[in-house]
Protein backbone atom coordinates (compact mmCIF):
# COMPACT_ATOMS: atom_id res chain seq x y z
CA MET A 1 -192.88 -107.06 78.14
CA LEU A 2 -195.36 -104.46 79.25
CA THR A 3 -192.95 -101.69 78.30
CA GLU A 4 -192.50 -103.27 74.87
CA VAL A 5 -196.25 -103.39 74.34
CA ALA A 6 -196.59 -99.77 75.45
CA GLY A 7 -193.78 -98.59 73.17
CA ARG A 8 -195.13 -100.16 70.00
CA GLY A 9 -197.55 -98.49 67.66
CA ARG A 10 -200.91 -99.91 66.69
CA ALA A 11 -199.56 -100.71 63.21
CA ASP A 12 -197.16 -103.40 64.48
CA ARG A 13 -199.36 -106.48 63.93
CA VAL A 14 -197.24 -109.00 65.83
CA TRP A 15 -197.09 -106.90 68.99
CA GLN A 16 -200.73 -105.94 68.58
CA ALA A 17 -201.67 -109.63 68.64
CA LEU A 18 -199.71 -110.11 71.86
CA ALA A 19 -200.69 -106.84 73.51
CA TRP A 20 -204.04 -108.01 74.82
CA ARG A 21 -202.57 -111.21 76.28
CA VAL A 22 -199.69 -109.37 77.94
CA ALA A 23 -202.08 -106.76 79.35
CA ARG A 24 -204.44 -109.45 80.65
CA ALA A 25 -201.58 -111.30 82.35
CA TRP A 26 -200.44 -108.02 83.91
CA ARG A 27 -203.96 -107.33 85.14
CA ARG A 28 -204.14 -110.78 86.78
CA VAL A 29 -200.81 -110.22 88.47
CA SER A 30 -201.92 -106.77 89.64
CA ARG A 31 -203.77 -108.41 92.52
CA LEU A 32 -200.41 -109.53 93.82
CA ALA A 33 -198.27 -106.70 92.48
CA SER A 34 -197.38 -103.60 94.39
CA LEU A 35 -199.08 -100.31 93.75
CA SER A 36 -195.98 -98.97 92.00
CA ARG A 37 -196.27 -101.71 89.35
CA ILE A 38 -199.90 -100.86 88.71
CA LEU A 39 -199.07 -97.17 88.42
CA LEU A 40 -196.28 -98.05 85.97
CA ALA A 41 -198.87 -99.55 83.63
CA ARG A 42 -200.97 -96.40 84.06
CA ARG A 43 -198.06 -94.08 83.24
CA LEU A 44 -197.13 -96.19 80.20
CA GLY A 45 -200.68 -95.80 78.93
CA VAL A 46 -201.49 -99.53 78.73
CA LEU A 47 -205.04 -99.18 79.97
CA GLU A 48 -205.86 -102.83 79.24
CA ALA A 49 -203.35 -103.85 81.93
CA LEU A 50 -205.03 -101.83 84.68
CA PRO A 51 -207.29 -103.57 87.19
CA ALA A 52 -209.73 -100.65 86.95
CA ALA A 53 -210.36 -97.49 85.01
CA PRO A 54 -207.60 -94.92 85.64
CA GLN A 55 -209.88 -92.63 87.65
CA HIS A 56 -210.44 -95.45 90.18
CA LEU A 57 -206.74 -96.04 90.84
CA PRO A 58 -204.93 -94.35 93.72
CA ASP A 59 -203.22 -91.09 92.80
CA PRO A 60 -199.98 -90.67 94.78
CA ASP A 61 -199.26 -87.23 93.29
CA LEU A 62 -202.61 -85.88 94.49
CA SER A 63 -202.04 -87.53 97.86
CA ASN A 64 -198.65 -85.82 98.30
CA ALA A 65 -200.06 -82.44 97.30
CA LEU A 66 -202.94 -82.86 99.74
CA GLN A 67 -200.65 -83.81 102.59
CA ALA A 68 -198.64 -80.63 102.06
CA ARG A 69 -201.83 -78.53 102.00
CA ILE A 70 -203.17 -80.20 105.15
CA ARG A 71 -199.92 -79.53 106.99
CA CYS A 72 -200.15 -75.85 106.08
CA ALA A 73 -203.82 -75.68 107.09
CA LEU A 74 -203.19 -77.33 110.45
CA MET A 75 -200.60 -74.70 111.39
CA ASP A 76 -203.33 -72.06 111.49
CA VAL A 77 -206.58 -73.95 112.03
CA HIS A 78 -208.67 -71.04 113.26
CA ASN A 79 -208.12 -68.85 110.20
CA GLN A 80 -209.17 -71.48 107.65
CA PRO A 81 -212.51 -71.40 105.79
CA ALA A 82 -215.23 -73.42 107.49
CA ASP A 83 -215.54 -76.09 104.82
CA LEU A 84 -211.82 -76.49 104.00
CA PHE A 85 -211.29 -79.64 106.05
CA ALA A 86 -214.43 -81.28 104.67
CA ALA A 87 -213.21 -80.58 101.13
CA LEU A 88 -209.76 -81.94 101.96
CA ALA A 89 -211.35 -85.09 103.41
CA ARG A 90 -213.28 -85.65 100.16
CA LEU A 91 -210.10 -85.16 98.14
CA ILE A 92 -208.21 -87.62 100.31
CA GLY A 93 -210.90 -90.18 99.55
CA ARG A 94 -210.48 -89.44 95.86
CA ALA A 95 -206.70 -89.77 96.05
CA GLY A 96 -207.08 -93.22 97.57
CA GLY A 97 -208.91 -94.58 94.55
CA GLY A 98 -212.05 -96.67 94.39
CA LEU A 99 -211.18 -100.28 95.14
CA ARG A 100 -214.77 -101.44 94.75
CA HIS A 101 -214.53 -100.64 91.03
CA TRP A 102 -211.51 -102.90 90.48
CA ARG A 103 -212.00 -106.04 88.42
CA GLN A 104 -212.29 -109.05 90.67
CA ARG A 105 -211.69 -111.77 88.12
């Protein structure tokens, strides 16, 4: 149903009436759902279904890119800029999301 809600325009009154309820049910289930299900709602653009604002959700694409960069940096540790690993550590924290901002109800 979430994909149906995401695919409909705002002009469809019947789906618009159901959209909030479907999104709320999805958000309640998100506590039990896997991360991939939550990211599906994010990619579909149904922001009402997310347990938090999109910037507070984990970002697997950023995480994968960072892992590749860290692997490259670790191969030649001594020739890296002094603050590179501190910056990568901050970005890893960002890629993990901010769970304290998730809705608890």
